[in-house]
């Protein structure tokens, strides 16, 4: 795993990059929760995403959004973070031009950013969204959703209500030619405390 910096629209973006032993291996960009709620790329759910993808043979890139850690700039309501993610995706595409697959993934606010990025890059292969904040943001922009993916939600989440995520998933599943896998983890809270192993297993099963 290498500590790197990527040039972004607000300055340098702090990142961690894991290169694969084969240049054709798939890659994934992993995005963290809301910086205003102390979200960073070192968040335990984000790290679980990283480990699940890395152990499944993916090349991985995690970033700190602007204003987080050593990343330059100031946090925004989301538009700036989407710009950061665009810069990171551009970097990984240039770094891994032979990769056959490009995935997007994120937790909470990071899931919202990753899905926005997906709509701007419909050639991406798939997505894994953990606890997308459907009660905070309108997800109608996923119309139509360009690729299939996985959404995971805990039933005891007191930040993102399980019911709102379920309603969003039902709307996505109603779209033709898109297959959204919805995995529910009973009793898990927003941060999947005590259930990170279960979360990892579900991710690995989907992407493996």
N, C-alpha and C. Protein backbone atom coordinates (compact mmCIF):
# COMPACT_ATOMS: atom_id res chain seq x y z
N UNK A 1 0.85 -1.19 0.00
CA UNK A 1 0.00 0.00 0.00
C UNK A 1 0.88 1.24 0.00
N UNK A 2 0.63 2.16 -0.92
CA UNK A 2 1.46 3.36 -1.04
C UNK A 2 0.67 4.60 -0.65
N UNK A 3 1.31 5.48 0.12
CA UNK A 3 0.75 6.79 0.43
C UNK A 3 1.11 7.74 -0.70
N UNK A 4 0.10 8.36 -1.31
CA UNK A 4 0.34 9.21 -2.47
C UNK A 4 -0.47 10.49 -2.34
N UNK A 5 -0.21 11.42 -3.24
CA UNK A 5 -1.01 12.63 -3.37
C UNK A 5 -1.45 12.77 -4.83
N UNK A 6 -2.70 13.16 -5.02
CA UNK A 6 -3.28 13.36 -6.34
C UNK A 6 -3.61 14.84 -6.48
N UNK A 7 -3.34 15.41 -7.63
CA UNK A 7 -3.69 16.81 -7.86
C UNK A 7 -5.19 16.93 -8.06
N UNK A 8 -5.84 17.71 -7.21
CA UNK A 8 -7.28 17.89 -7.31
C UNK A 8 -7.64 19.34 -7.56
N UNK A 9 -8.90 19.63 -7.76
CA UNK A 9 -9.34 21.00 -8.07
C UNK A 9 -9.15 21.97 -6.92
N UNK A 10 -9.04 21.46 -5.68
CA UNK A 10 -8.83 22.33 -4.52
C UNK A 10 -7.43 22.18 -3.94
N UNK A 11 -6.54 21.50 -4.65
CA UNK A 11 -5.20 21.25 -4.15
C UNK A 11 -4.92 19.75 -4.08
N UNK A 12 -3.88 19.39 -3.35
CA UNK A 12 -3.48 17.99 -3.26
C UNK A 12 -4.51 17.16 -2.49
N UNK A 13 -4.76 15.95 -3.00
CA UNK A 13 -5.67 15.00 -2.36
C UNK A 13 -4.83 13.86 -1.79
N UNK A 14 -4.94 13.65 -0.48
CA UNK A 14 -4.24 12.55 0.17
C UNK A 14 -4.91 11.23 -0.19
N UNK A 15 -4.12 10.22 -0.50
CA UNK A 15 -4.70 8.94 -0.92
C UNK A 15 -3.80 7.78 -0.55
N UNK A 16 -4.40 6.59 -0.56
CA UNK A 16 -3.67 5.34 -0.39
C UNK A 16 -4.00 4.45 -1.58
N UNK A 17 -2.96 3.96 -2.22
CA UNK A 17 -3.11 3.17 -3.44
C UNK A 17 -2.48 1.80 -3.26
N UNK A 18 -3.21 0.76 -3.62
CA UNK A 18 -2.70 -0.60 -3.58
C UNK A 18 -2.65 -1.15 -5.00
N UNK A 19 -1.47 -1.40 -5.48
CA UNK A 19 -1.27 -1.90 -6.84
C UNK A 19 -1.38 -3.42 -6.86
N UNK A 20 -1.92 -3.93 -7.94
CA UNK A 20 -2.04 -5.38 -8.09
C UNK A 20 -0.81 -5.98 -8.75
N UNK A 21 -0.68 -7.30 -8.67
CA UNK A 21 0.45 -7.97 -9.29
C UNK A 21 0.27 -8.11 -10.80
N UNK A 22 -0.94 -7.81 -11.27
CA UNK A 22 -1.26 -7.90 -12.69
C UNK A 22 -1.95 -6.60 -13.11
N UNK A 23 -1.45 -5.95 -14.15
CA UNK A 23 -1.97 -4.65 -14.56
C UNK A 23 -3.40 -4.71 -15.09
N UNK A 24 -3.87 -5.91 -15.38
CA UNK A 24 -5.23 -6.05 -15.90
C UNK A 24 -6.26 -6.30 -14.80
N UNK A 25 -5.82 -6.38 -13.56
CA UNK A 25 -6.75 -6.61 -12.45
C UNK A 25 -7.73 -5.45 -12.33
N UNK A 26 -8.94 -5.72 -11.84
CA UNK A 26 -9.92 -4.64 -11.67
C UNK A 26 -9.48 -3.63 -10.63
N UNK A 27 -10.01 -2.43 -10.72
CA UNK A 27 -9.69 -1.37 -9.76
C UNK A 27 -10.97 -0.88 -9.10
N UNK A 28 -10.82 -0.29 -7.91
CA UNK A 28 -11.96 0.27 -7.21
C UNK A 28 -11.55 1.57 -6.53
N UNK A 29 -12.40 2.57 -6.60
CA UNK A 29 -12.25 3.82 -5.87
C UNK A 29 -13.20 3.77 -4.68
N UNK A 30 -12.66 3.97 -3.47
CA UNK A 30 -13.44 3.85 -2.24
C UNK A 30 -13.51 5.21 -1.56
N UNK A 31 -14.74 5.63 -1.20
CA UNK A 31 -14.96 6.99 -0.68
C UNK A 31 -15.55 6.95 0.73
N UNK A 32 -15.13 7.92 1.54
CA UNK A 32 -15.45 7.89 2.98
C UNK A 32 -16.68 8.73 3.35
N UNK A 33 -17.15 8.60 4.59
CA UNK A 33 -18.34 9.32 5.06
C UNK A 33 -18.10 10.83 5.17
N UNK A 34 -19.14 11.54 5.61
CA UNK A 34 -19.17 12.99 5.66
C UNK A 34 -18.01 13.56 6.49
N UNK A 35 -17.17 14.40 5.88
CA UNK A 35 -16.07 15.02 6.64
C UNK A 35 -16.55 15.84 7.83
N UNK A 36 -17.76 16.40 7.73
CA UNK A 36 -18.27 17.21 8.83
C UNK A 36 -18.66 16.36 10.02
N UNK A 37 -18.72 15.05 9.82
CA UNK A 37 -18.98 14.11 10.91
C UNK A 37 -17.73 13.27 11.19
N UNK A 38 -16.58 13.86 10.92
CA UNK A 38 -15.28 13.24 11.17
C UNK A 38 -15.02 12.01 10.30
N UNK A 39 -15.64 11.97 9.13
CA UNK A 39 -15.38 10.87 8.21
C UNK A 39 -14.03 11.01 7.53
N UNK A 40 -13.29 9.90 7.46
CA UNK A 40 -11.99 9.87 6.78
C UNK A 40 -11.84 8.52 6.08
N UNK A 41 -10.75 8.40 5.30
CA UNK A 41 -10.50 7.13 4.62
C UNK A 41 -10.05 6.05 5.60
N UNK A 42 -9.83 6.42 6.87
CA UNK A 42 -9.44 5.44 7.88
C UNK A 42 -10.63 4.91 8.67
N UNK A 43 -11.83 5.36 8.33
CA UNK A 43 -13.06 4.87 8.96
C UNK A 43 -13.10 3.33 8.87
N UNK A 44 -13.61 2.69 9.91
CA UNK A 44 -13.58 1.22 9.97
C UNK A 44 -14.39 0.56 8.86
N UNK A 45 -15.51 1.16 8.48
CA UNK A 45 -16.30 0.58 7.38
C UNK A 45 -15.56 0.75 6.06
N UNK A 46 -14.94 1.92 5.87
CA UNK A 46 -14.16 2.16 4.66
C UNK A 46 -12.98 1.18 4.59
N UNK A 47 -12.33 0.95 5.73
CA UNK A 47 -11.22 0.01 5.76
C UNK A 47 -11.71 -1.41 5.46
N UNK A 48 -12.90 -1.74 5.94
CA UNK A 48 -13.48 -3.05 5.64
C UNK A 48 -13.72 -3.19 4.14
N UNK A 49 -14.22 -2.13 3.51
CA UNK A 49 -14.38 -2.13 2.05
C UNK A 49 -13.04 -2.37 1.37
N UNK A 50 -12.04 -1.62 1.80
CA UNK A 50 -10.70 -1.76 1.20
C UNK A 50 -10.20 -3.20 1.31
N UNK A 51 -10.28 -3.78 2.51
CA UNK A 51 -9.78 -5.14 2.71
C UNK A 51 -10.56 -6.15 1.87
N UNK A 52 -11.87 -5.99 1.79
CA UNK A 52 -12.69 -6.93 1.03
C UNK A 52 -12.32 -6.88 -0.45
N UNK A 53 -12.15 -5.68 -0.99
CA UNK A 53 -11.78 -5.56 -2.40
C UNK A 53 -10.36 -6.05 -2.64
N UNK A 54 -9.42 -5.65 -1.77
CA UNK A 54 -8.02 -6.05 -1.95
C UNK A 54 -7.86 -7.56 -1.87
N UNK A 55 -8.55 -8.19 -0.93
CA UNK A 55 -8.45 -9.64 -0.78
C UNK A 55 -9.18 -10.38 -1.89
N UNK A 56 -10.00 -9.66 -2.66
CA UNK A 56 -10.69 -10.26 -3.79
C UNK A 56 -9.95 -9.98 -5.11
N UNK A 57 -8.73 -9.43 -5.00
CA UNK A 57 -7.90 -9.27 -6.18
C UNK A 57 -8.02 -7.93 -6.88
N UNK A 58 -8.59 -6.93 -6.20
CA UNK A 58 -8.73 -5.60 -6.81
C UNK A 58 -7.52 -4.72 -6.48
N UNK A 59 -7.18 -3.83 -7.39
CA UNK A 59 -6.31 -2.70 -7.09
C UNK A 59 -7.20 -1.62 -6.47
N UNK A 60 -6.75 -0.98 -5.41
CA UNK A 60 -7.64 -0.10 -4.66
C UNK A 60 -7.07 1.31 -4.53
N UNK A 61 -7.97 2.28 -4.47
CA UNK A 61 -7.60 3.66 -4.22
C UNK A 61 -8.59 4.24 -3.22
N UNK A 62 -8.07 4.70 -2.07
CA UNK A 62 -8.87 5.43 -1.08
C UNK A 62 -8.36 6.86 -1.02
N UNK A 63 -9.27 7.81 -0.85
CA UNK A 63 -8.84 9.21 -0.76
C UNK A 63 -9.46 9.87 0.47
N UNK A 64 -8.81 10.93 0.92
CA UNK A 64 -9.42 11.85 1.87
C UNK A 64 -9.95 13.03 1.08
N UNK A 65 -11.23 13.33 1.24
CA UNK A 65 -11.81 14.49 0.56
C UNK A 65 -11.10 15.77 1.00
N UNK A 66 -11.30 16.83 0.25
CA UNK A 66 -10.70 18.13 0.56
C UNK A 66 -10.96 18.54 2.02
N UNK A 67 -9.90 19.05 2.65
CA UNK A 67 -10.02 19.50 4.03
C UNK A 67 -9.92 18.41 5.07
N UNK A 68 -9.70 17.16 4.62
CA UNK A 68 -9.61 16.03 5.55
C UNK A 68 -8.18 15.51 5.57
N UNK A 69 -7.65 15.25 6.75
CA UNK A 69 -6.28 14.74 6.85
C UNK A 69 -5.29 15.70 6.22
N UNK A 70 -4.51 15.20 5.28
CA UNK A 70 -3.52 16.02 4.59
C UNK A 70 -4.03 16.57 3.26
N UNK A 71 -5.29 16.34 2.95
CA UNK A 71 -5.86 16.89 1.71
C UNK A 71 -6.09 18.39 1.86
N UNK A 72 -5.74 19.12 0.83
CA UNK A 72 -5.89 20.57 0.86
C UNK A 72 -7.32 20.97 0.53
N UNK A 73 -7.66 22.22 0.81
CA UNK A 73 -9.00 22.73 0.52
C UNK A 73 -9.89 22.73 1.74
N UNK A 74 -11.17 23.03 1.51
CA UNK A 74 -12.17 23.14 2.57
C UNK A 74 -13.37 22.28 2.20
N UNK A 75 -13.89 21.55 3.17
CA UNK A 75 -15.06 20.69 2.93
C UNK A 75 -16.25 21.50 2.44
N UNK A 76 -17.08 20.89 1.60
CA UNK A 76 -18.27 21.54 1.06
C UNK A 76 -19.50 20.70 1.36
N UNK A 77 -20.62 21.09 0.77
CA UNK A 77 -21.87 20.33 0.95
C UNK A 77 -21.93 19.10 0.07
N UNK A 78 -20.92 18.89 -0.76
CA UNK A 78 -20.93 17.70 -1.61
C UNK A 78 -20.39 17.94 -3.01
N UNK A 79 -20.62 19.11 -3.58
CA UNK A 79 -20.18 19.37 -4.95
C UNK A 79 -18.66 19.28 -5.06
N UNK A 80 -17.96 19.86 -4.09
CA UNK A 80 -16.50 19.81 -4.11
C UNK A 80 -15.97 18.40 -3.95
N UNK A 81 -16.64 17.61 -3.11
CA UNK A 81 -16.21 16.22 -2.89
C UNK A 81 -16.42 15.38 -4.15
N UNK A 82 -17.48 15.68 -4.90
CA UNK A 82 -17.67 14.98 -6.18
C UNK A 82 -16.54 15.32 -7.13
N UNK A 83 -16.10 16.59 -7.13
CA UNK A 83 -14.97 17.00 -7.96
C UNK A 83 -13.70 16.26 -7.55
N UNK A 84 -13.50 16.10 -6.25
CA UNK A 84 -12.34 15.34 -5.77
C UNK A 84 -12.39 13.90 -6.27
N UNK A 85 -13.57 13.31 -6.22
CA UNK A 85 -13.73 11.92 -6.66
C UNK A 85 -13.48 11.80 -8.17
N UNK A 86 -13.91 12.80 -8.93
CA UNK A 86 -13.65 12.80 -10.37
C UNK A 86 -12.15 12.81 -10.64
N UNK A 87 -11.41 13.65 -9.89
CA UNK A 87 -9.96 13.72 -10.06
C UNK A 87 -9.31 12.39 -9.69
N UNK A 88 -9.79 11.75 -8.63
CA UNK A 88 -9.24 10.46 -8.20
C UNK A 88 -9.52 9.37 -9.24
N UNK A 89 -10.73 9.38 -9.79
CA UNK A 89 -11.07 8.39 -10.80
C UNK A 89 -10.21 8.59 -12.05
N UNK A 90 -10.00 9.84 -12.43
CA UNK A 90 -9.14 10.13 -13.59
C UNK A 90 -7.73 9.61 -13.33
N UNK A 91 -7.24 9.78 -12.11
CA UNK A 91 -5.90 9.31 -11.76
C UNK A 91 -5.79 7.80 -11.87
N UNK A 92 -6.76 7.09 -11.32
CA UNK A 92 -6.69 5.63 -11.33
C UNK A 92 -6.85 5.08 -12.74
N UNK A 93 -7.63 5.75 -13.57
CA UNK A 93 -7.76 5.31 -14.97
C UNK A 93 -6.42 5.45 -15.70
N UNK A 94 -5.71 6.55 -15.44
CA UNK A 94 -4.41 6.76 -16.07
C UNK A 94 -3.37 5.79 -15.51
N UNK A 95 -3.46 5.51 -14.22
CA UNK A 95 -2.50 4.63 -13.57
C UNK A 95 -2.68 3.18 -14.00
N UNK A 96 -3.91 2.79 -14.28
CA UNK A 96 -4.23 1.39 -14.59
C UNK A 96 -4.96 1.29 -15.94
N UNK A 97 -4.32 1.69 -17.03
CA UNK A 97 -5.01 1.72 -18.32
C UNK A 97 -5.41 0.36 -18.86
N UNK A 98 -4.77 -0.70 -18.35
CA UNK A 98 -5.06 -2.05 -18.84
C UNK A 98 -6.13 -2.76 -18.02
N UNK A 99 -6.59 -2.11 -16.95
CA UNK A 99 -7.60 -2.74 -16.10
C UNK A 99 -8.88 -2.99 -16.89
N UNK A 100 -9.46 -4.17 -16.68
CA UNK A 100 -10.67 -4.56 -17.40
C UNK A 100 -11.95 -4.09 -16.72
N UNK A 101 -11.85 -3.69 -15.44
CA UNK A 101 -13.03 -3.29 -14.69
C UNK A 101 -12.71 -2.11 -13.79
N UNK A 102 -13.65 -1.17 -13.67
CA UNK A 102 -13.52 -0.06 -12.73
C UNK A 102 -14.79 0.00 -11.89
N UNK A 103 -14.62 -0.15 -10.58
CA UNK A 103 -15.74 -0.14 -9.65
C UNK A 103 -15.69 1.12 -8.80
N UNK A 104 -16.86 1.51 -8.30
CA UNK A 104 -16.97 2.63 -7.38
C UNK A 104 -17.63 2.15 -6.10
N UNK A 105 -17.14 2.63 -4.96
CA UNK A 105 -17.69 2.19 -3.69
C UNK A 105 -17.60 3.30 -2.66
N UNK A 106 -18.50 3.26 -1.69
CA UNK A 106 -18.45 4.26 -0.64
C UNK A 106 -19.39 3.92 0.50
N UNK A 107 -19.14 4.58 1.62
CA UNK A 107 -19.94 4.39 2.82
C UNK A 107 -20.63 5.69 3.19
N UNK A 108 -21.95 5.63 3.39
CA UNK A 108 -22.76 6.77 3.80
C UNK A 108 -22.61 7.92 2.81
N UNK A 109 -22.14 9.08 3.24
CA UNK A 109 -21.92 10.21 2.32
C UNK A 109 -21.05 9.78 1.14
N UNK A 110 -20.06 8.94 1.40
CA UNK A 110 -19.20 8.44 0.32
C UNK A 110 -19.96 7.61 -0.69
N UNK A 111 -21.01 6.91 -0.24
CA UNK A 111 -21.84 6.15 -1.17
C UNK A 111 -22.60 7.10 -2.09
N UNK A 112 -23.11 8.21 -1.53
CA UNK A 112 -23.80 9.22 -2.35
C UNK A 112 -22.86 9.81 -3.38
N UNK A 113 -21.64 10.16 -2.96
CA UNK A 113 -20.66 10.71 -3.90
C UNK A 113 -20.34 9.69 -4.99
N UNK A 114 -20.13 8.44 -4.61
CA UNK A 114 -19.76 7.41 -5.58
C UNK A 114 -20.86 7.19 -6.60
N UNK A 115 -22.11 7.25 -6.19
CA UNK A 115 -23.21 7.05 -7.13
C UNK A 115 -23.40 8.26 -8.04
N UNK A 116 -23.13 9.46 -7.53
CA UNK A 116 -23.11 10.63 -8.40
C UNK A 116 -22.01 10.48 -9.44
N UNK A 117 -20.85 10.01 -9.01
CA UNK A 117 -19.74 9.80 -9.92
C UNK A 117 -20.08 8.75 -10.96
N UNK A 118 -20.81 7.73 -10.55
CA UNK A 118 -21.22 6.68 -11.47
C UNK A 118 -22.05 7.24 -12.62
N UNK A 119 -22.94 8.18 -12.32
CA UNK A 119 -23.78 8.77 -13.36
C UNK A 119 -22.96 9.59 -14.35
N UNK A 120 -21.83 10.11 -13.89
CA UNK A 120 -20.95 10.88 -14.77
C UNK A 120 -19.98 9.98 -15.54
N UNK A 121 -19.90 8.71 -15.12
CA UNK A 121 -18.98 7.76 -15.75
C UNK A 121 -19.69 6.42 -15.94
N UNK A 122 -20.68 6.37 -16.83
CA UNK A 122 -21.49 5.16 -16.98
C UNK A 122 -20.72 3.95 -17.51
N UNK A 123 -19.45 4.16 -17.92
CA UNK A 123 -18.67 3.01 -18.37
C UNK A 123 -18.07 2.23 -17.21
N UNK A 124 -18.24 2.74 -15.99
CA UNK A 124 -17.77 1.98 -14.82
C UNK A 124 -18.52 0.65 -14.74
N UNK A 125 -17.88 -0.33 -14.14
CA UNK A 125 -18.38 -1.71 -14.18
C UNK A 125 -19.47 -1.99 -13.16
N UNK A 126 -19.32 -1.49 -11.95
CA UNK A 126 -20.27 -1.81 -10.89
C UNK A 126 -20.04 -0.93 -9.69
N UNK A 127 -20.90 -1.11 -8.66
CA UNK A 127 -20.77 -0.30 -7.46
C UNK A 127 -21.12 -1.12 -6.22
N UNK A 128 -20.56 -0.68 -5.10
CA UNK A 128 -20.93 -1.22 -3.79
C UNK A 128 -21.19 -0.02 -2.89
N UNK A 129 -22.44 0.16 -2.48
CA UNK A 129 -22.84 1.30 -1.66
C UNK A 129 -23.28 0.81 -0.28
N UNK A 130 -22.60 1.30 0.75
CA UNK A 130 -22.91 0.90 2.11
C UNK A 130 -23.67 2.04 2.80
N UNK A 131 -24.87 1.75 3.27
CA UNK A 131 -25.71 2.71 3.98
C UNK A 131 -25.82 4.06 3.24
N UNK A 132 -26.27 4.05 1.99
CA UNK A 132 -26.41 5.31 1.26
C UNK A 132 -27.40 6.22 1.99
N UNK A 133 -27.09 7.51 2.16
CA UNK A 133 -27.92 8.41 2.98
C UNK A 133 -29.19 8.88 2.27
N UNK A 134 -30.09 7.94 2.07
CA UNK A 134 -31.31 8.22 1.31
C UNK A 134 -32.28 9.14 2.03
N UNK A 135 -32.13 9.28 3.35
CA UNK A 135 -32.99 10.19 4.10
C UNK A 135 -32.48 11.63 4.06
N UNK A 136 -31.25 11.81 3.63
CA UNK A 136 -30.64 13.14 3.57
C UNK A 136 -30.61 13.69 2.15
N UNK A 137 -30.33 12.81 1.17
CA UNK A 137 -30.22 13.22 -0.23
C UNK A 137 -31.28 12.54 -1.07
N UNK A 138 -31.66 13.21 -2.14
CA UNK A 138 -32.57 12.64 -3.13
C UNK A 138 -31.75 11.79 -4.10
N UNK A 139 -32.11 10.55 -4.24
CA UNK A 139 -31.38 9.64 -5.12
C UNK A 139 -32.07 9.44 -6.46
N UNK A 140 -32.99 10.33 -6.81
CA UNK A 140 -33.67 10.23 -8.09
C UNK A 140 -32.75 10.44 -9.28
N UNK A 141 -31.54 10.95 -9.02
CA UNK A 141 -30.59 11.12 -10.11
C UNK A 141 -30.18 9.78 -10.72
N UNK A 142 -30.41 8.69 -9.99
CA UNK A 142 -30.09 7.36 -10.51
C UNK A 142 -31.20 6.86 -11.44
N UNK A 143 -31.45 7.63 -12.48
CA UNK A 143 -32.55 7.30 -13.38
C UNK A 143 -32.15 7.63 -14.83
N UNK A 144 -31.80 6.61 -15.60
CA UNK A 144 -31.67 5.22 -15.13
C UNK A 144 -30.31 4.97 -14.52
N UNK A 145 -30.25 4.00 -13.64
CA UNK A 145 -28.98 3.58 -13.05
C UNK A 145 -28.19 2.85 -14.14
N UNK A 146 -26.96 3.28 -14.45
CA UNK A 146 -26.27 2.75 -15.63
C UNK A 146 -25.72 1.33 -15.49
N UNK A 147 -25.44 0.89 -14.26
CA UNK A 147 -24.88 -0.45 -14.07
C UNK A 147 -25.49 -1.09 -12.82
N UNK A 148 -25.26 -2.37 -12.69
CA UNK A 148 -25.75 -3.10 -11.53
C UNK A 148 -24.77 -2.94 -10.36
N UNK A 149 -25.27 -3.24 -9.15
CA UNK A 149 -24.40 -3.10 -8.00
C UNK A 149 -25.01 -3.68 -6.74
N UNK A 150 -24.31 -3.47 -5.64
CA UNK A 150 -24.70 -4.00 -4.33
C UNK A 150 -24.96 -2.84 -3.37
N UNK A 151 -26.05 -2.93 -2.62
CA UNK A 151 -26.34 -1.99 -1.54
C UNK A 151 -26.51 -2.80 -0.26
N UNK A 152 -25.82 -2.36 0.81
CA UNK A 152 -25.90 -3.05 2.10
C UNK A 152 -26.40 -2.07 3.16
N UNK A 153 -27.33 -2.54 3.99
CA UNK A 153 -27.92 -1.67 5.01
C UNK A 153 -28.19 -2.47 6.29
N UNK A 154 -27.94 -1.83 7.43
CA UNK A 154 -28.27 -2.43 8.71
C UNK A 154 -29.68 -2.05 9.15
N UNK A 155 -30.37 -2.94 9.81
CA UNK A 155 -31.75 -2.67 10.22
C UNK A 155 -31.84 -1.77 11.44
N UNK A 156 -30.75 -1.63 12.19
CA UNK A 156 -30.77 -0.80 13.40
C UNK A 156 -29.99 0.51 13.22
N UNK A 157 -29.91 0.95 11.99
CA UNK A 157 -29.20 2.19 11.67
C UNK A 157 -30.02 3.38 12.17
N UNK A 158 -29.44 4.17 13.10
CA UNK A 158 -30.18 5.31 13.64
C UNK A 158 -29.78 6.62 12.96
N UNK A 159 -28.98 6.54 11.90
CA UNK A 159 -28.60 7.71 11.11
C UNK A 159 -29.26 7.69 9.75
N UNK A 160 -29.21 6.56 9.09
CA UNK A 160 -29.90 6.36 7.81
C UNK A 160 -30.96 5.28 8.02
N UNK A 161 -32.23 5.66 8.10
CA UNK A 161 -33.28 4.68 8.38
C UNK A 161 -33.32 3.55 7.35
N UNK A 162 -33.40 2.35 7.86
CA UNK A 162 -33.49 1.17 7.00
C UNK A 162 -34.65 1.29 6.01
N UNK A 163 -35.77 1.85 6.45
CA UNK A 163 -36.95 1.94 5.59
C UNK A 163 -36.71 2.83 4.37
N UNK A 164 -35.94 3.91 4.56
CA UNK A 164 -35.71 4.82 3.44
C UNK A 164 -34.78 4.19 2.40
N UNK A 165 -33.80 3.42 2.86
CA UNK A 165 -32.91 2.73 1.93
C UNK A 165 -33.68 1.66 1.17
N UNK A 166 -34.54 0.94 1.88
CA UNK A 166 -35.35 -0.10 1.24
C UNK A 166 -36.24 0.49 0.15
N UNK A 167 -36.85 1.62 0.40
CA UNK A 167 -37.70 2.27 -0.60
C UNK A 167 -36.88 2.68 -1.82
N UNK A 168 -35.68 3.19 -1.59
CA UNK A 168 -34.80 3.58 -2.69
C UNK A 168 -34.44 2.36 -3.54
N UNK A 169 -34.09 1.26 -2.88
CA UNK A 169 -33.73 0.04 -3.59
C UNK A 169 -34.90 -0.47 -4.42
N UNK A 170 -36.09 -0.40 -3.87
CA UNK A 170 -37.26 -0.85 -4.63
C UNK A 170 -37.45 -0.04 -5.90
N UNK A 171 -37.20 1.27 -5.82
CA UNK A 171 -37.29 2.11 -7.02
C UNK A 171 -36.24 1.73 -8.05
N UNK A 172 -35.04 1.43 -7.57
CA UNK A 172 -33.97 1.02 -8.49
C UNK A 172 -34.29 -0.31 -9.15
N UNK A 173 -34.82 -1.24 -8.36
CA UNK A 173 -35.14 -2.56 -8.91
C UNK A 173 -36.26 -2.51 -9.94
N UNK A 174 -37.05 -1.45 -9.90
CA UNK A 174 -38.14 -1.30 -10.88
C UNK A 174 -37.63 -0.87 -12.25
N UNK A 175 -36.37 -0.43 -12.30
CA UNK A 175 -35.79 -0.01 -13.58
C UNK A 175 -35.42 -1.24 -14.40
N UNK A 176 -35.64 -1.21 -15.72
CA UNK A 176 -35.29 -2.35 -16.56
C UNK A 176 -33.78 -2.50 -16.74
N UNK A 177 -33.35 -3.73 -16.86
CA UNK A 177 -31.97 -4.06 -17.21
C UNK A 177 -30.94 -3.68 -16.13
N UNK A 178 -31.39 -3.43 -14.91
CA UNK A 178 -30.48 -3.13 -13.81
C UNK A 178 -30.76 -4.11 -12.68
N UNK A 179 -29.71 -4.74 -12.18
CA UNK A 179 -29.87 -5.73 -11.13
C UNK A 179 -29.15 -5.23 -9.87
N UNK A 180 -29.93 -4.74 -8.93
CA UNK A 180 -29.38 -4.25 -7.67
C UNK A 180 -29.56 -5.31 -6.60
N UNK A 181 -28.44 -5.77 -6.06
CA UNK A 181 -28.47 -6.74 -4.98
C UNK A 181 -28.59 -5.99 -3.67
N UNK A 182 -29.58 -6.33 -2.87
CA UNK A 182 -29.81 -5.64 -1.60
C UNK A 182 -29.57 -6.62 -0.47
N UNK A 183 -28.54 -6.34 0.33
CA UNK A 183 -28.20 -7.19 1.46
C UNK A 183 -28.53 -6.45 2.76
N UNK A 184 -29.29 -7.09 3.62
CA UNK A 184 -29.69 -6.53 4.90
C UNK A 184 -28.93 -7.25 6.02
N UNK A 185 -28.39 -6.47 6.94
CA UNK A 185 -27.72 -7.07 8.10
C UNK A 185 -28.55 -6.75 9.34
N UNK A 186 -29.21 -7.76 9.86
CA UNK A 186 -30.09 -7.59 11.00
C UNK A 186 -29.33 -7.08 12.22
N UNK A 187 -29.92 -6.08 12.87
CA UNK A 187 -29.45 -5.49 14.13
C UNK A 187 -28.18 -4.63 13.97
N UNK A 188 -27.65 -4.52 12.78
CA UNK A 188 -26.45 -3.71 12.59
C UNK A 188 -26.80 -2.23 12.62
N UNK A 189 -25.95 -1.42 13.29
CA UNK A 189 -26.16 0.02 13.31
C UNK A 189 -25.44 0.66 12.12
N UNK A 190 -25.38 1.99 12.11
CA UNK A 190 -24.82 2.70 10.96
C UNK A 190 -23.36 2.33 10.71
N UNK A 191 -22.63 2.07 11.78
CA UNK A 191 -21.20 1.78 11.65
C UNK A 191 -20.89 0.28 11.71
N UNK A 192 -21.94 -0.54 11.70
CA UNK A 192 -21.81 -1.99 11.66
C UNK A 192 -20.94 -2.52 12.80
N UNK A 193 -21.07 -1.88 13.98
CA UNK A 193 -20.30 -2.32 15.14
C UNK A 193 -20.69 -3.76 15.49
N UNK A 194 -19.71 -4.62 15.56
CA UNK A 194 -19.95 -6.03 15.83
C UNK A 194 -20.34 -6.84 14.61
N UNK A 195 -20.48 -6.18 13.45
CA UNK A 195 -20.93 -6.86 12.23
C UNK A 195 -20.00 -6.60 11.04
N UNK A 196 -18.80 -6.09 11.28
CA UNK A 196 -17.89 -5.80 10.17
C UNK A 196 -17.48 -7.06 9.43
N UNK A 197 -17.34 -8.17 10.14
CA UNK A 197 -17.01 -9.43 9.47
C UNK A 197 -18.14 -9.88 8.56
N UNK A 198 -19.37 -9.68 9.02
CA UNK A 198 -20.54 -10.04 8.21
C UNK A 198 -20.59 -9.15 6.96
N UNK A 199 -20.34 -7.87 7.17
CA UNK A 199 -20.31 -6.93 6.05
C UNK A 199 -19.26 -7.33 5.03
N UNK A 200 -18.07 -7.64 5.51
CA UNK A 200 -16.98 -8.05 4.61
C UNK A 200 -17.36 -9.28 3.80
N UNK A 201 -17.97 -10.25 4.46
CA UNK A 201 -18.35 -11.50 3.77
C UNK A 201 -19.36 -11.23 2.66
N UNK A 202 -20.32 -10.34 2.91
CA UNK A 202 -21.32 -10.04 1.90
C UNK A 202 -20.71 -9.31 0.70
N UNK A 203 -19.77 -8.41 0.98
CA UNK A 203 -19.09 -7.71 -0.12
C UNK A 203 -18.29 -8.68 -0.96
N UNK A 204 -17.49 -9.53 -0.29
CA UNK A 204 -16.66 -10.49 -1.01
C UNK A 204 -17.50 -11.46 -1.86
N UNK A 205 -18.62 -11.88 -1.30
CA UNK A 205 -19.48 -12.80 -2.05
C UNK A 205 -20.00 -12.15 -3.32
N UNK A 206 -20.30 -10.86 -3.25
CA UNK A 206 -20.85 -10.16 -4.43
C UNK A 206 -19.78 -9.89 -5.48
N UNK A 207 -18.60 -9.45 -5.06
CA UNK A 207 -17.58 -9.04 -6.03
C UNK A 207 -16.67 -10.17 -6.46
N UNK A 208 -16.72 -11.28 -5.73
CA UNK A 208 -15.80 -12.37 -6.00
C UNK A 208 -16.11 -13.14 -7.28
